[in-house]
PDB file of N, CA and C in Angstrom:
ATOM      1  N   UNK A   1     -66.636  43.601 161.389  1.00  0.00           N
ATOM      2  CA  UNK A   1     -66.341  42.430 160.574  1.00  0.00           C
ATOM      3  C   UNK A   1     -65.161  42.749 159.668  1.00  0.00           C
ATOM      4  N   UNK A   2     -64.037  42.083 159.902  1.00  0.00           N
ATOM      5  CA  UNK A   2     -62.859  42.247 159.058  1.00  0.00           C
ATOM      6  C   UNK A   2     -62.950  41.276 157.887  1.00  0.00           C
ATOM      7  N   UNK A   3     -62.733  41.780 156.707  1.00  0.00           N
ATOM      8  CA  UNK A   3     -62.822  40.949 155.501  1.00  0.00           C
ATOM      9  C   UNK A   3     -61.407  40.678 155.006  1.00  0.00           C
ATOM     10  N   UNK A   4     -61.133  39.406 154.704  1.00  0.00           N
ATOM     11  CA  UNK A   4     -59.811  38.987 154.233  1.00  0.00           C
ATOM     12  C   UNK A   4     -59.927  38.348 152.851  1.00  0.00           C
ATOM     13  N   UNK A   5     -58.873  38.505 152.065  1.00  0.00           N
ATOM     14  CA  UNK A   5     -58.742  37.795 150.790  1.00  0.00           C
ATOM     15  C   UNK A   5     -57.747  36.677 151.067  1.00  0.00           C
ATOM     16  N   UNK A   6     -58.206  35.423 150.936  1.00  0.00           N
ATOM     17  CA  UNK A   6     -57.373  34.290 151.330  1.00  0.00           C
ATOM     18  C   UNK A   6     -57.652  33.081 150.444  1.00  0.00           C
ATOM     19  N   UNK A   7     -56.962  31.973 150.753  1.00  0.00           N
ATOM     20  CA  UNK A   7     -57.098  30.745 149.978  1.00  0.00           C
ATOM     21  C   UNK A   7     -58.049  29.776 150.666  1.00  0.00           C
ATOM     22  N   UNK A   8     -58.769  29.010 149.865  1.00  0.00           N
ATOM     23  CA  UNK A   8     -59.540  27.883 150.368  1.00  0.00           C
ATOM     24  C   UNK A   8     -59.128  26.656 149.552  1.00  0.00           C
ATOM     25  N   UNK A   9     -58.999  25.521 150.214  1.00  0.00           N
ATOM     26  CA  UNK A   9     -58.448  24.328 149.584  1.00  0.00           C
ATOM     27  C   UNK A   9     -59.543  23.508 148.919  1.00  0.00           C
ATOM     28  N   UNK A  10     -59.237  23.033 147.722  1.00  0.00           N
ATOM     29  CA  UNK A  10     -60.112  22.117 146.984  1.00  0.00           C
ATOM     30  C   UNK A  10     -59.259  20.968 146.474  1.00  0.00           C
ATOM     31  N   UNK A  11     -59.899  19.986 145.850  1.00  0.00           N
ATOM     32  CA  UNK A  11     -59.169  18.856 145.299  1.00  0.00           C
ATOM     33  C   UNK A  11     -59.150  17.685 146.262  1.00  0.00           C
ATOM     34  N   UNK A  12     -58.374  16.679 145.907  1.00  0.00           N
ATOM     35  CA  UNK A  12     -58.305  15.496 146.760  1.00  0.00           C
ATOM     36  C   UNK A  12     -56.948  15.430 147.461  1.00  0.00           C
ATOM     37  N   UNK A  13     -56.739  14.370 148.201  1.00  0.00           N
ATOM     38  CA  UNK A  13     -55.506  14.218 148.963  1.00  0.00           C
ATOM     39  C   UNK A  13     -54.293  14.227 148.040  1.00  0.00           C
ATOM     40  N   UNK A  14     -53.323  15.086 148.351  1.00  0.00           N
ATOM     41  CA  UNK A  14     -52.068  15.256 147.610  1.00  0.00           C
ATOM     42  C   UNK A  14     -52.261  15.799 146.190  1.00  0.00           C
ATOM     43  N   UNK A  15     -53.457  16.262 145.851  1.00  0.00           N
ATOM     44  CA  UNK A  15     -53.751  16.865 144.544  1.00  0.00           C
ATOM     45  C   UNK A  15     -54.517  18.171 144.766  1.00  0.00           C
ATOM     46  N   UNK A  16     -53.991  18.998 145.638  1.00  0.00           N
ATOM     47  CA  UNK A  16     -54.715  20.205 146.046  1.00  0.00           C
ATOM     48  C   UNK A  16     -54.623  21.306 144.996  1.00  0.00           C
ATOM     49  N   UNK A  17     -55.704  22.071 144.884  1.00  0.00           N
ATOM     50  CA  UNK A  17     -55.677  23.356 144.216  1.00  0.00           C
ATOM     51  C   UNK A  17     -56.537  24.292 145.048  1.00  0.00           C
ATOM     52  N   UNK A  18     -56.409  25.570 144.810  1.00  0.00           N
ATOM     53  CA  UNK A  18     -56.987  26.541 145.719  1.00  0.00           C
ATOM     54  C   UNK A  18     -57.823  27.575 144.972  1.00  0.00           C
ATOM     55  N   UNK A  19     -58.836  28.101 145.662  1.00  0.00           N
ATOM     56  CA  UNK A  19     -59.577  29.262 145.205  1.00  0.00           C
ATOM     57  C   UNK A  19     -59.099  30.453 146.013  1.00  0.00           C
ATOM     58  N   UNK A  20     -58.996  31.591 145.374  1.00  0.00           N
ATOM     59  CA  UNK A  20     -58.718  32.830 146.081  1.00  0.00           C
ATOM     60  C   UNK A  20     -60.080  33.455 146.351  1.00  0.00           C
ATOM     61  N   UNK A  21     -60.422  33.577 147.628  1.00  0.00           N
ATOM     62  CA  UNK A  21     -61.769  34.001 148.006  1.00  0.00           C
ATOM     63  C   UNK A  21     -61.725  35.238 148.899  1.00  0.00           C
ATOM     64  N   UNK A  22     -62.872  35.863 149.039  1.00  0.00           N
ATOM     65  CA  UNK A  22     -63.065  36.956 149.990  1.00  0.00           C
ATOM     66  C   UNK A  22     -63.999  36.419 151.067  1.00  0.00           C
ATOM     67  N   UNK A  23     -63.541  36.487 152.335  1.00  0.00           N
ATOM     68  CA  UNK A  23     -64.333  35.920 153.434  1.00  0.00           C
ATOM     69  C   UNK A  23     -64.136  36.741 154.698  1.00  0.00           C
ATOM     70  N   UNK A  24     -65.082  36.590 155.609  1.00  0.00           N
ATOM     71  CA  UNK A  24     -64.942  37.167 156.937  1.00  0.00           C
ATOM     72  C   UNK A  24     -63.733  36.518 157.604  1.00  0.00           C
ATOM     73  N   UNK A  25     -62.963  37.294 158.336  1.00  0.00           N
ATOM     74  CA  UNK A  25     -61.732  36.776 158.928  1.00  0.00           C
ATOM     75  C   UNK A  25     -61.980  35.682 159.960  1.00  0.00           C
ATOM     76  N   UNK A  26     -63.187  35.604 160.510  1.00  0.00           N
ATOM     77  CA  UNK A  26     -63.474  34.607 161.531  1.00  0.00           C
ATOM     78  C   UNK A  26     -64.099  33.323 160.981  1.00  0.00           C
ATOM     79  N   UNK A  27     -64.396  33.270 159.678  1.00  0.00           N
ATOM     80  CA  UNK A  27     -64.975  32.047 159.116  1.00  0.00           C
ATOM     81  C   UNK A  27     -63.891  30.990 158.922  1.00  0.00           C
ATOM     82  N   UNK A  28     -64.296  29.744 158.851  1.00  0.00           N
ATOM     83  CA  UNK A  28     -63.356  28.634 158.703  1.00  0.00           C
ATOM     84  C   UNK A  28     -62.680  28.685 157.335  1.00  0.00           C
ATOM     85  N   UNK A  29     -61.561  27.946 157.203  1.00  0.00           N
ATOM     86  CA  UNK A  29     -60.801  27.946 155.957  1.00  0.00           C
ATOM     87  C   UNK A  29     -61.669  27.544 154.770  1.00  0.00           C
ATOM     88  N   UNK A  30     -62.450  26.496 154.924  1.00  0.00           N
ATOM     89  CA  UNK A  30     -63.302  26.023 153.842  1.00  0.00           C
ATOM     90  C   UNK A  30     -64.767  26.334 154.112  1.00  0.00           C
ATOM     91  N   UNK A  31     -65.026  27.344 154.921  1.00  0.00           N
ATOM     92  CA  UNK A  31     -66.386  27.693 155.288  1.00  0.00           C
ATOM     93  C   UNK A  31     -67.004  28.717 154.342  1.00  0.00           C
ATOM     94  N   UNK A  32     -67.918  29.526 154.882  1.00  0.00           N
ATOM     95  CA  UNK A  32     -68.638  30.520 154.088  1.00  0.00           C
ATOM     96  C   UNK A  32     -67.682  31.562 153.525  1.00  0.00           C
ATOM     97  N   UNK A  33     -67.998  32.039 152.319  1.00  0.00           N
ATOM     98  CA  UNK A  33     -67.218  33.115 151.727  1.00  0.00           C
ATOM     99  C   UNK A  33     -68.149  34.061 150.994  1.00  0.00           C
ATOM    100  N   UNK A  34     -67.649  35.243 150.689  1.00  0.00           N
ATOM    101  CA  UNK A  34     -68.450  36.280 150.050  1.00  0.00           C
ATOM    102  C   UNK A  34     -68.331  36.260 148.532  1.00  0.00           C
ATOM    103  N   UNK A  35     -67.134  36.000 148.020  1.00  0.00           N
ATOM    104  CA  UNK A  35     -66.909  36.068 146.571  1.00  0.00           C
ATOM    105  C   UNK A  35     -65.672  35.253 146.203  1.00  0.00           C
ATOM    106  N   UNK A  36     -65.635  34.760 144.969  1.00  0.00           N
ATOM    107  CA  UNK A  36     -64.466  34.072 144.433  1.00  0.00           C
ATOM    108  C   UNK A  36     -63.740  35.054 143.519  1.00  0.00           C
ATOM    109  N   UNK A  37     -62.468  35.290 143.802  1.00  0.00           N
ATOM    110  CA  UNK A  37     -61.680  36.272 143.059  1.00  0.00           C
ATOM    111  C   UNK A  37     -60.777  35.590 142.033  1.00  0.00           C
ATOM    112  N   UNK A  38     -60.335  34.355 142.300  1.00  0.00           N
ATOM    113  CA  UNK A  38     -59.441  33.677 141.365  1.00  0.00           C
ATOM    114  C   UNK A  38     -59.143  32.266 141.807  1.00  0.00           C
ATOM    115  N   UNK A  39     -58.152  31.657 141.127  1.00  0.00           N
ATOM    116  CA  UNK A  39     -57.729  30.294 141.456  1.00  0.00           C
ATOM    117  C   UNK A  39     -56.207  30.215 141.444  1.00  0.00           C
ATOM    118  N   UNK A  40     -55.697  29.179 142.114  1.00  0.00           N
ATOM    119  CA  UNK A  40     -54.261  28.918 142.168  1.00  0.00           C
ATOM    120  C   UNK A  40     -54.059  27.412 142.122  1.00  0.00           C
ATOM    121  N   UNK A  41     -53.305  26.942 141.110  1.00  0.00           N
ATOM    122  CA  UNK A  41     -53.016  25.513 140.973  1.00  0.00           C
ATOM    123  C   UNK A  41     -51.504  25.308 141.054  1.00  0.00           C
ATOM    124  N   UNK A  42     -50.991  24.902 142.217  1.00  0.00           N
ATOM    125  CA  UNK A  42     -49.546  24.753 142.384  1.00  0.00           C
ATOM    126  C   UNK A  42     -48.961  23.511 141.709  1.00  0.00           C
ATOM    127  N   UNK A  43     -49.799  22.596 141.245  1.00  0.00           N
ATOM    128  CA  UNK A  43     -49.299  21.348 140.665  1.00  0.00           C
ATOM    129  C   UNK A  43     -48.865  21.499 139.220  1.00  0.00           C
ATOM    130  N   UNK A  44     -49.321  22.529 138.541  1.00  0.00           N
ATOM    131  CA  UNK A  44     -48.903  22.748 137.159  1.00  0.00           C
ATOM    132  C   UNK A  44     -47.502  23.353 137.152  1.00  0.00           C
ATOM    133  N   UNK A  45     -46.813  23.213 136.028  1.00  0.00           N
ATOM    134  CA  UNK A  45     -45.459  23.753 135.918  1.00  0.00           C
ATOM    135  C   UNK A  45     -45.394  24.720 134.758  1.00  0.00           C
ATOM    136  N   UNK A  46     -45.318  26.003 134.951  1.00  0.00           N
ATOM    137  CA  UNK A  46     -45.294  26.731 136.228  1.00  0.00           C
ATOM    138  C   UNK A  46     -46.686  26.792 136.851  1.00  0.00           C
ATOM    139  N   UNK A  47     -46.734  27.143 138.116  1.00  0.00           N
ATOM    140  CA  UNK A  47     -48.007  27.191 138.849  1.00  0.00           C
ATOM    141  C   UNK A  47     -48.983  28.136 138.154  1.00  0.00           C
ATOM    142  N   UNK A  48     -50.230  27.692 138.002  1.00  0.00           N
ATOM    143  CA  UNK A  48     -51.251  28.476 137.298  1.00  0.00           C
ATOM    144  C   UNK A  48     -51.988  29.373 138.281  1.00  0.00           C
ATOM    145  N   UNK A  49     -51.946  30.684 138.011  1.00  0.00           N
ATOM    146  CA  UNK A  49     -52.629  31.661 138.850  1.00  0.00           C
ATOM    147  C   UNK A  49     -53.551  32.469 137.952  1.00  0.00           C
ATOM    148  N   UNK A  50     -54.851  32.464 138.255  1.00  0.00           N
ATOM    149  CA  UNK A  50     -55.800  33.307 137.521  1.00  0.00           C
ATOM    150  C   UNK A  50     -56.517  34.190 138.526  1.00  0.00           C
ATOM    151  N   UNK A  51     -56.546  35.494 138.237  1.00  0.00           N
ATOM    152  CA  UNK A  51     -57.179  36.448 139.137  1.00  0.00           C
ATOM    153  C   UNK A  51     -58.043  37.386 138.313  1.00  0.00           C
ATOM    154  N   UNK A  52     -59.274  37.588 138.759  1.00  0.00           N
ATOM    155  CA  UNK A  52     -60.179  38.566 138.147  1.00  0.00           C
ATOM    156  C   UNK A  52     -59.814  39.933 138.728  1.00  0.00           C
ATOM    157  N   UNK A  53     -59.084  40.730 137.935  1.00  0.00           N
ATOM    158  CA  UNK A  53     -58.570  42.015 138.424  1.00  0.00           C
ATOM    159  C   UNK A  53     -59.685  42.973 138.830  1.00  0.00           C
ATOM    160  N   UNK A  54     -60.810  42.947 138.126  1.00  0.00           N
ATOM    161  CA  UNK A  54     -61.927  43.821 138.462  1.00  0.00           C
ATOM    162  C   UNK A  54     -62.476  43.548 139.848  1.00  0.00           C
ATOM    163  N   UNK A  55     -62.738  42.255 140.127  1.00  0.00           N
ATOM    164  CA  UNK A  55     -63.247  41.873 141.448  1.00  0.00           C
ATOM    165  C   UNK A  55     -62.218  42.171 142.532  1.00  0.00           C
ATOM    166  N   UNK A  56     -60.942  41.888 142.239  1.00  0.00           N
ATOM    167  CA  UNK A  56     -59.890  42.124 143.225  1.00  0.00           C
ATOM    168  C   UNK A  56     -59.824  43.599 143.596  1.00  0.00           C
ATOM    169  N   UNK A  57     -59.804  44.478 142.602  1.00  0.00           N
ATOM    170  CA  UNK A  57     -59.737  45.911 142.873  1.00  0.00           C
ATOM    171  C   UNK A  57     -60.980  46.397 143.621  1.00  0.00           C
ATOM    172  N   UNK A  58     -62.142  45.834 143.284  1.00  0.00           N
ATOM    173  CA  UNK A  58     -63.376  46.202 143.975  1.00  0.00           C
ATOM    174  C   UNK A  58     -63.280  45.873 145.463  1.00  0.00           C
ATOM    175  N   UNK A  59     -62.824  44.669 145.801  1.00  0.00           N
ATOM    176  CA  UNK A  59     -62.728  44.267 147.205  1.00  0.00           C
ATOM    177  C   UNK A  59     -61.622  45.006 147.928  1.00  0.00           C
ATOM    178  N   UNK A  60     -60.498  45.265 147.265  1.00  0.00           N
ATOM    179  CA  UNK A  60     -59.445  46.051 147.908  1.00  0.00           C
ATOM    180  C   UNK A  60     -59.930  47.468 148.189  1.00  0.00           C
ATOM    181  N   UNK A  61     -60.741  48.016 147.287  1.00  0.00           N
ATOM    182  CA  UNK A  61     -61.325  49.336 147.488  1.00  0.00           C
ATOM    183  C   UNK A  61     -62.293  49.384 148.648  1.00  0.00           C
ATOM    184  N   UNK A  62     -62.939  48.250 148.916  1.00  0.00           N
ATOM    185  CA  UNK A  62     -63.881  48.172 150.043  1.00  0.00           C
ATOM    186  C   UNK A  62     -63.166  47.926 151.370  1.00  0.00           C
ATOM    187  N   UNK A  63     -61.854  47.693 151.329  1.00  0.00           N
ATOM    188  CA  UNK A  63     -61.091  47.526 152.566  1.00  0.00           C
ATOM    189  C   UNK A  63     -60.694  46.111 152.899  1.00  0.00           C
ATOM    190  N   UNK A  64     -60.876  45.163 152.000  1.00  0.00           N
ATOM    191  CA  UNK A  64     -60.470  43.779 152.261  1.00  0.00           C
ATOM    192  C   UNK A  64     -58.941  43.699 152.293  1.00  0.00           C
ATOM    193  N   UNK A  65     -58.421  42.938 153.244  1.00  0.00           N
ATOM    194  CA  UNK A  65     -56.982  42.793 153.414  1.00  0.00           C
ATOM    195  C   UNK A  65     -56.528  41.415 152.935  1.00  0.00           C
ATOM    196  N   UNK A  66     -55.587  41.338 151.968  1.00  0.00           N
ATOM    197  CA  UNK A  66     -55.083  40.031 151.539  1.00  0.00           C
ATOM    198  C   UNK A  66     -54.102  39.447 152.546  1.00  0.00           C
ATOM    199  N   UNK A  67     -54.063  38.124 152.638  1.00  0.00           N
ATOM    200  CA  UNK A  67     -53.069  37.458 153.477  1.00  0.00           C
ATOM    201  C   UNK A  67     -51.712  37.566 152.791  1.00  0.00           C
ATOM    202  N   UNK A  68     -50.656  37.205 153.494  1.00  0.00           N
ATOM    203  CA  UNK A  68     -49.314  37.308 152.913  1.00  0.00           C
ATOM    204  C   UNK A  68     -49.161  36.391 151.702  1.00  0.00           C
ATOM    205  N   UNK A  69     -49.749  35.195 151.771  1.00  0.00           N
ATOM    206  CA  UNK A  69     -49.676  34.264 150.651  1.00  0.00           C
ATOM    207  C   UNK A  69     -50.387  34.826 149.434  1.00  0.00           C
ATOM    208  N   UNK A  70     -51.556  35.397 149.636  1.00  0.00           N
ATOM    209  CA  UNK A  70     -52.311  35.965 148.523  1.00  0.00           C
ATOM    210  C   UNK A  70     -51.597  37.188 147.963  1.00  0.00           C
ATOM    211  N   UNK A  71     -50.953  37.984 148.809  1.00  0.00           N
ATOM    212  CA  UNK A  71     -50.172  39.124 148.319  1.00  0.00           C
ATOM    213  C   UNK A  71     -49.087  38.657 147.354  1.00  0.00           C
ATOM    214  N   UNK A  72     -48.384  37.581 147.725  1.00  0.00           N
ATOM    215  CA  UNK A  72     -47.326  37.075 146.854  1.00  0.00           C
ATOM    216  C   UNK A  72     -47.896  36.509 145.554  1.00  0.00           C
ATOM    217  N   UNK A  73     -49.069  35.866 145.622  1.00  0.00           N
ATOM    218  CA  UNK A  73     -49.702  35.342 144.408  1.00  0.00           C
ATOM    219  C   UNK A  73     -50.139  36.481 143.485  1.00  0.00           C
ATOM    220  N   UNK A  74     -50.642  37.573 144.063  1.00  0.00           N
ATOM    221  CA  UNK A  74     -51.050  38.718 143.263  1.00  0.00           C
ATOM    222  C   UNK A  74     -49.847  39.319 142.554  1.00  0.00           C
ATOM    223  N   UNK A  75     -48.747  39.441 143.257  1.00  0.00           N
ATOM    224  CA  UNK A  75     -47.542  40.004 142.615  1.00  0.00           C
ATOM    225  C   UNK A  75     -47.004  39.072 141.533  1.00  0.00           C
ATOM    226  N   UNK A  76     -47.046  37.759 141.759  1.00  0.00           N
ATOM    227  CA  UNK A  76     -46.599  36.808 140.727  1.00  0.00           C
ATOM    228  C   UNK A  76     -47.505  36.825 139.514  1.00  0.00           C
ATOM    229  N   UNK A  77     -48.814  36.955 139.735  1.00  0.00           N
ATOM    230  CA  UNK A  77     -49.768  36.997 138.621  1.00  0.00           C
ATOM    231  C   UNK A  77     -49.585  38.263 137.803  1.00  0.00           C
ATOM    232  N   UNK A  78     -49.258  39.374 138.455  1.00  0.00           N
ATOM    233  CA  UNK A  78     -49.050  40.634 137.740  1.00  0.00           C
ATOM    234  C   UNK A  78     -47.794  40.551 136.882  1.00  0.00           C
ATOM    235  N   UNK A  79     -46.770  39.846 137.339  1.00  0.00           N
ATOM    236  CA  UNK A  79     -45.543  39.699 136.576  1.00  0.00           C
ATOM    237  C   UNK A  79     -45.751  38.790 135.380  1.00  0.00           C
ATOM    238  N   UNK A  80     -46.524  37.705 135.557  1.00  0.00           N
ATOM    239  CA  UNK A  80     -46.683  36.727 134.479  1.00  0.00           C
ATOM    240  C   UNK A  80     -47.664  37.177 133.403  1.00  0.00           C
ATOM    241  N   UNK A  81     -48.523  38.160 133.687  1.00  0.00           N
ATOM    242  CA  UNK A  81     -49.502  38.609 132.697  1.00  0.00           C
ATOM    243  C   UNK A  81     -48.890  39.570 131.710  1.00  0.00           C
TER     244      UNK A  81
END
């Protein structure tokens, strides 16, 4: 079972915001997940990114692989904090 750190979509049509979650790589985009690590709201100016660093480091230590989008969000969140 490969574990990925990825985005899941919430909100309504054209008003999307996202959760950064930890899920099995084969589960659906909005399907089952293991843990919520943070949120991403692209509609705010600048985009609001909140990440629980403790949970993130715990899952990375367990071998979870972030997607390319989540990698870029993590780097942006580290710069803005």
